[in-house]
Amino acid sequence: MGLMLVKTRLCLGFVRLSLAAMALSLTAAAAEQPNWLDIESRIQYSYYTEDSRALQNVTEGLGPAEPDSAFRRYYAALIDYRLTLLDWARDKSRAKDAADACVDNLDVAVKLQRDFADALALESACLDLLAGLQAWRAPFAAAKSGSLIEKARHAAPKNPRVLLLDAVSLYERPKATTVDKDRALQGFEQATAAFEAERREAQHVPGWGAAEAYVYLAKCQLDRGATLKARDALERALLMAPELAEARRLMKKLTAG
């Protein structure tokens, strides 16, 4: 009887040790898992304030390369996308390198998660930028971009970032026609409505884009001479992101007459 009691206690001890080890393992895994919402906020703030160095520094928070994940690749690509936009007028060579890196990261992201609509749409946007930076790649990049944004729309027709990046592609299209601009305006209106709906839900990751959508909506309205509507859109953008430099510049230009 005494021997059985000893064995029982030993077994219980091993169980407790195993549970403790599992708890430590789960805690360590949770500690290693990046806080994507925090990383996204840092990316957005660095982009809004047009701070390329701070944007590059965010890369350090993406976690270890192994095991890889669709989200890690997506946020690495979002950094690349933002750097491409910031470097566009400053250094075309650096902008091209960032756009290339964006596409490479998203190629991996969509292999890891094939229905990742946000990644499909962002890769489409990076390919559009790459086409503008290297004319010889434009035909292939444009064809692949169109295919990816179509897949993104099919996978998530109400995703606000998909709607936003689709409209941006139309608005920024070289030699955009009046029809393109009209479709872009409709796209930005749909995107802002989708962002408002998303904001009523629990915190969403990815969740960026609302302020930028209102800035683009303001640009469309300014193109049409609708200054009151443009001002309203800019006020909404600045309410969400007071540090958004592009919105501040547009508002200053608008108020200056």
Protein backbone atom coordinates (compact mmCIF):
# COMPACT_ATOMS: atom_id res chain seq x y z
CA MET A 1 0.00 0.00 0.00
CA GLY A 2 2.85 2.35 0.93
CA LEU A 3 4.65 1.59 -2.34
CA MET A 4 1.50 2.38 -4.36
CA LEU A 5 1.15 5.69 -2.52
CA VAL A 6 4.75 6.59 -3.34
CA LYS A 7 4.22 5.72 -7.02
CA THR A 8 1.01 7.78 -7.12
CA ARG A 9 2.77 10.78 -5.64
CA LEU A 10 5.64 10.39 -8.10
CA CYS A 11 3.19 10.29 -11.01
CA LEU A 12 1.42 13.39 -9.74
CA GLY A 13 4.77 15.10 -9.41
CA PHE A 14 5.66 14.29 -13.01
CA VAL A 15 2.25 15.56 -14.20
CA ARG A 16 2.74 18.84 -12.33
CA LEU A 17 6.22 19.25 -13.79
CA SER A 18 4.89 18.54 -17.30
CA LEU A 19 2.07 21.07 -16.88
CA ALA A 20 4.51 23.66 -15.56
CA ALA A 21 6.82 23.07 -18.52
CA MET A 22 3.89 23.44 -20.94
CA ALA A 23 2.84 26.67 -19.25
CA LEU A 24 6.37 28.06 -19.52
CA SER A 25 6.51 27.03 -23.18
CA LEU A 26 3.20 28.75 -23.96
CA THR A 27 4.29 31.87 -22.08
CA ALA A 28 7.55 31.98 -24.04
CA ALA A 29 5.69 31.53 -27.33
CA ALA A 30 3.31 34.35 -26.43
CA ALA A 31 6.27 36.57 -25.52
CA GLU A 32 7.89 35.87 -28.89
CA GLN A 33 4.68 36.58 -30.85
CA PRO A 34 4.85 40.18 -32.08
CA ASN A 35 2.08 42.59 -31.18
CA TRP A 36 0.86 43.29 -34.71
CA LEU A 37 -1.43 46.12 -33.64
CA ASP A 38 1.49 47.92 -31.99
CA ILE A 39 3.74 47.30 -35.00
CA GLU A 40 1.08 48.62 -37.35
CA SER A 41 0.68 51.75 -35.22
CA ARG A 42 4.43 52.38 -35.33
CA ILE A 43 4.50 51.90 -39.11
CA GLN A 44 1.63 54.30 -39.59
CA TYR A 45 3.00 56.97 -37.25
CA SER A 46 6.41 56.84 -38.95
CA TYR A 47 4.75 57.15 -42.35
CA TYR A 48 2.42 59.95 -41.26
CA THR A 49 5.38 61.94 -39.94
CA GLU A 50 7.43 61.00 -43.02
CA ASP A 51 10.25 59.57 -40.90
CA SER A 52 12.01 56.97 -43.06
CA ARG A 53 14.58 56.07 -40.41
CA ALA A 54 11.93 55.36 -37.78
CA LEU A 55 10.04 53.32 -40.36
CA GLN A 56 13.10 51.17 -41.07
CA ASN A 57 13.62 50.66 -37.33
CA VAL A 58 10.19 49.05 -37.01
CA THR A 59 11.59 46.06 -38.91
CA GLU A 60 13.43 45.02 -35.74
CA GLY A 61 10.10 44.32 -34.01
CA LEU A 62 8.83 41.84 -36.60
CA GLY A 63 10.16 38.85 -34.71
CA PRO A 64 12.47 36.00 -35.77
CA ALA A 65 12.56 34.88 -39.39
CA GLU A 66 11.79 31.32 -38.32
CA PRO A 67 9.12 30.18 -38.08
CA ASP A 68 7.90 32.45 -40.88
CA SER A 69 4.32 33.74 -40.99
CA ALA A 70 2.01 35.51 -43.42
CA PHE A 71 1.58 38.39 -40.97
CA ARG A 72 5.33 38.86 -40.53
CA ARG A 73 5.77 39.04 -44.30
CA TYR A 74 2.75 41.32 -44.65
CA TYR A 75 4.03 43.89 -42.17
CA ALA A 76 7.54 43.74 -43.63
CA ALA A 77 5.89 44.53 -46.98
CA LEU A 78 3.83 47.35 -45.48
CA ILE A 79 7.09 48.93 -44.29
CA ASP A 80 8.51 48.50 -47.81
CA TYR A 81 5.37 50.02 -49.34
CA ARG A 82 5.58 53.06 -47.07
CA LEU A 83 9.29 53.49 -47.79
CA THR A 84 8.58 53.35 -51.52
CA LEU A 85 6.05 56.16 -51.19
CA LEU A 86 8.37 58.30 -49.05
CA ASP A 87 11.42 57.72 -51.28
CA TRP A 88 9.53 58.23 -54.55
CA ALA A 89 10.49 61.91 -54.84
CA ARG A 90 13.74 61.63 -52.83
CA ASP A 91 15.61 58.64 -54.22
CA LYS A 92 14.17 56.58 -57.07
CA SER A 93 16.78 53.83 -56.63
CA ARG A 94 15.88 53.29 -52.99
CA ALA A 95 12.19 53.45 -53.88
CA LYS A 96 12.68 50.70 -56.47
CA ASP A 97 14.53 48.50 -53.98
CA ALA A 98 11.74 48.95 -51.43
CA ALA A 99 9.05 48.16 -54.03
CA ASP A 100 10.95 45.02 -55.07
CA ALA A 101 11.21 43.93 -51.43
CA CYS A 102 7.50 44.60 -50.95
CA VAL A 103 6.59 42.28 -53.83
CA ASP A 104 9.02 39.58 -52.65
CA ASN A 105 7.59 39.61 -49.11
CA LEU A 106 4.02 39.44 -50.33
CA ASP A 107 4.77 36.61 -52.75
CA VAL A 108 5.70 34.60 -49.66
CA ALA A 109 2.75 35.89 -47.62
CA VAL A 110 0.16 34.73 -50.15
CA LYS A 111 1.86 31.33 -50.43
CA LEU A 112 1.59 30.96 -46.66
CA GLN A 113 -2.04 32.15 -46.65
CA ARG A 114 -3.65 32.03 -50.08
CA ASP A 115 -6.88 33.82 -49.13
CA PHE A 116 -5.07 36.78 -47.50
CA ALA A 117 -6.97 39.56 -49.27
CA ASP A 118 -5.01 42.37 -47.61
CA ALA A 119 -1.74 40.86 -48.86
CA LEU A 120 -3.09 40.38 -52.39
CA ALA A 121 -4.23 44.01 -52.56
CA LEU A 122 -0.99 45.37 -51.13
CA GLU A 123 1.10 43.36 -53.59
CA SER A 124 -1.03 44.77 -56.40
CA ALA A 125 -0.24 48.30 -55.14
CA CYS A 126 3.50 47.57 -54.89
CA LEU A 127 3.52 46.22 -58.45
CA ASP A 128 1.86 49.43 -59.65
CA LEU A 129 4.61 51.44 -57.95
CA LEU A 130 7.28 49.18 -59.46
CA ALA A 131 5.81 49.70 -62.92
CA GLY A 132 6.10 53.44 -62.43
CA LEU A 133 9.73 53.15 -61.35
CA GLN A 134 10.89 50.78 -64.10
CA ALA A 135 9.12 51.25 -67.42
CA TRP A 136 10.44 47.97 -68.89
CA ARG A 137 8.62 46.04 -66.14
CA ALA A 138 5.34 47.87 -66.62
CA PRO A 139 3.53 45.36 -68.91
CA PHE A 140 4.19 42.34 -66.66
CA ALA A 141 3.70 44.30 -63.43
CA ALA A 142 0.41 45.81 -64.64
CA ALA A 143 -0.96 42.42 -65.69
CA LYS A 144 -0.02 40.76 -62.39
CA SER A 145 -1.31 43.75 -60.41
CA GLY A 146 -4.69 43.53 -62.11
CA SER A 147 -4.92 39.79 -61.44
CA LEU A 148 -4.04 40.21 -57.75
CA ILE A 149 -6.51 43.01 -57.05
CA GLU A 150 -9.22 40.97 -58.76
CA LYS A 151 -8.43 38.02 -56.46
CA ALA A 152 -8.49 40.36 -53.46
CA ARG A 153 -11.90 41.77 -54.44
CA HIS A 154 -13.25 38.26 -54.90
CA ALA A 155 -11.87 37.08 -51.55
CA ALA A 156 -13.04 40.11 -49.54
CA PRO A 157 -15.34 42.46 -51.50
CA LYS A 158 -16.04 44.64 -48.44
CA ASN A 159 -12.48 44.84 -47.11
CA PRO A 160 -11.76 48.60 -46.79
CA ARG A 161 -8.04 48.27 -47.64
CA VAL A 162 -8.86 46.31 -50.77
CA LEU A 163 -11.33 49.02 -51.80
CA LEU A 164 -8.82 51.76 -50.95
CA LEU A 165 -5.88 50.29 -52.86
CA ASP A 166 -8.09 49.49 -55.85
CA ALA A 167 -9.23 53.12 -55.96
CA VAL A 168 -5.66 54.41 -55.49
CA SER A 169 -4.59 52.38 -58.53
CA LEU A 170 -7.25 54.10 -60.62
CA TYR A 171 -6.54 57.57 -59.25
CA GLU A 172 -2.75 57.31 -59.69
CA ARG A 173 -2.93 55.65 -63.10
CA PRO A 174 -0.70 57.44 -65.64
CA LYS A 175 -2.84 59.52 -67.98
CA ALA A 176 -5.96 58.69 -65.96
CA THR A 177 -9.14 59.56 -67.83
CA THR A 178 -12.19 61.34 -66.47
CA VAL A 179 -13.87 57.93 -66.26
CA ASP A 180 -10.94 56.62 -64.19
CA LYS A 181 -11.22 59.60 -61.83
CA ASP A 182 -14.97 59.12 -61.46
CA ARG A 183 -14.50 55.44 -60.65
CA ALA A 184 -11.73 56.34 -58.20
CA LEU A 185 -14.04 58.79 -56.41
CA GLN A 186 -16.71 56.09 -56.10
CA GLY A 187 -14.04 53.70 -54.83
CA PHE A 188 -12.86 56.13 -52.13
CA GLU A 189 -16.45 56.76 -51.05
CA GLN A 190 -16.99 53.00 -50.74
CA ALA A 191 -13.67 52.62 -48.90
CA THR A 192 -14.43 55.33 -46.33
CA ALA A 193 -17.85 53.80 -45.70
CA ALA A 194 -16.22 50.38 -45.23
CA PHE A 195 -13.65 51.86 -42.84
CA GLU A 196 -16.41 53.46 -40.77
CA ALA A 197 -18.14 50.07 -40.56
CA GLU A 198 -14.88 48.38 -39.57
CA ARG A 199 -14.22 50.96 -36.84
CA ARG A 200 -17.49 49.98 -35.17
CA GLU A 201 -16.20 46.44 -34.76
CA ALA A 202 -13.55 45.11 -32.38
CA GLN A 203 -9.96 46.13 -33.11
CA HIS A 204 -9.03 44.79 -36.52
CA VAL A 205 -5.60 43.72 -37.75
CA PRO A 206 -4.68 44.78 -40.36
CA GLY A 207 -6.58 47.96 -39.57
CA TRP A 208 -4.70 50.77 -41.30
CA GLY A 209 -5.96 53.00 -44.10
CA ALA A 210 -8.93 55.06 -42.92
CA ALA A 211 -7.10 58.39 -42.69
CA GLU A 212 -5.45 57.85 -46.09
CA ALA A 213 -8.82 57.03 -47.65
CA TYR A 214 -10.20 60.39 -46.50
CA VAL A 215 -7.12 62.19 -47.85
CA TYR A 216 -7.66 60.63 -51.26
CA LEU A 217 -11.34 61.47 -51.08
CA ALA A 218 -10.34 65.08 -50.40
CA LYS A 219 -8.02 65.06 -53.43
CA CYS A 220 -10.85 63.84 -55.66
CA GLN A 221 -13.13 66.57 -54.36
CA LEU A 222 -10.44 69.22 -54.87
CA ASP A 223 -10.01 68.01 -58.47
CA ARG A 224 -13.70 68.76 -58.93
CA GLY A 225 -13.52 72.12 -57.17
CA ALA A 226 -15.70 70.87 -54.29
CA THR A 227 -13.68 72.62 -51.57
CA LEU A 228 -16.25 72.22 -48.77
CA LYS A 229 -16.44 68.45 -49.30
CA ALA A 230 -12.65 68.31 -49.52
CA ARG A 231 -12.30 70.20 -46.26
CA ASP A 232 -14.77 67.88 -44.54
CA ALA A 233 -12.79 64.83 -45.71
CA LEU A 234 -9.50 66.35 -44.52
CA GLU A 235 -10.99 67.18 -41.12
CA ARG A 236 -12.00 63.54 -40.76
CA ALA A 237 -8.51 62.39 -41.75
CA LEU A 238 -6.86 64.71 -39.22
CA LEU A 239 -9.29 63.68 -36.51
CA MET A 240 -8.06 60.11 -36.97
CA ALA A 241 -4.39 60.99 -37.52
CA PRO A 242 -3.49 64.56 -36.43
CA GLU A 243 0.16 63.92 -37.36
CA LEU A 244 -0.61 62.98 -40.99
CA ALA A 245 1.71 65.39 -42.82
CA GLU A 246 0.04 65.10 -46.23
CA ALA A 247 -3.38 65.96 -44.80
CA ARG A 248 -1.90 68.92 -42.91
CA ARG A 249 -0.30 70.27 -46.10
CA LEU A 250 -3.53 69.93 -48.05
CA MET A 251 -5.52 71.61 -45.30
CA LYS A 252 -3.02 74.48 -45.14
CA LYS A 253 -3.27 74.91 -48.91
CA LEU A 254 -7.05 74.79 -48.75
CA THR A 255 -7.39 77.33 -45.92
CA ALA A 256 -4.86 79.65 -47.55
CA GLY A 257 -7.21 79.95 -50.51
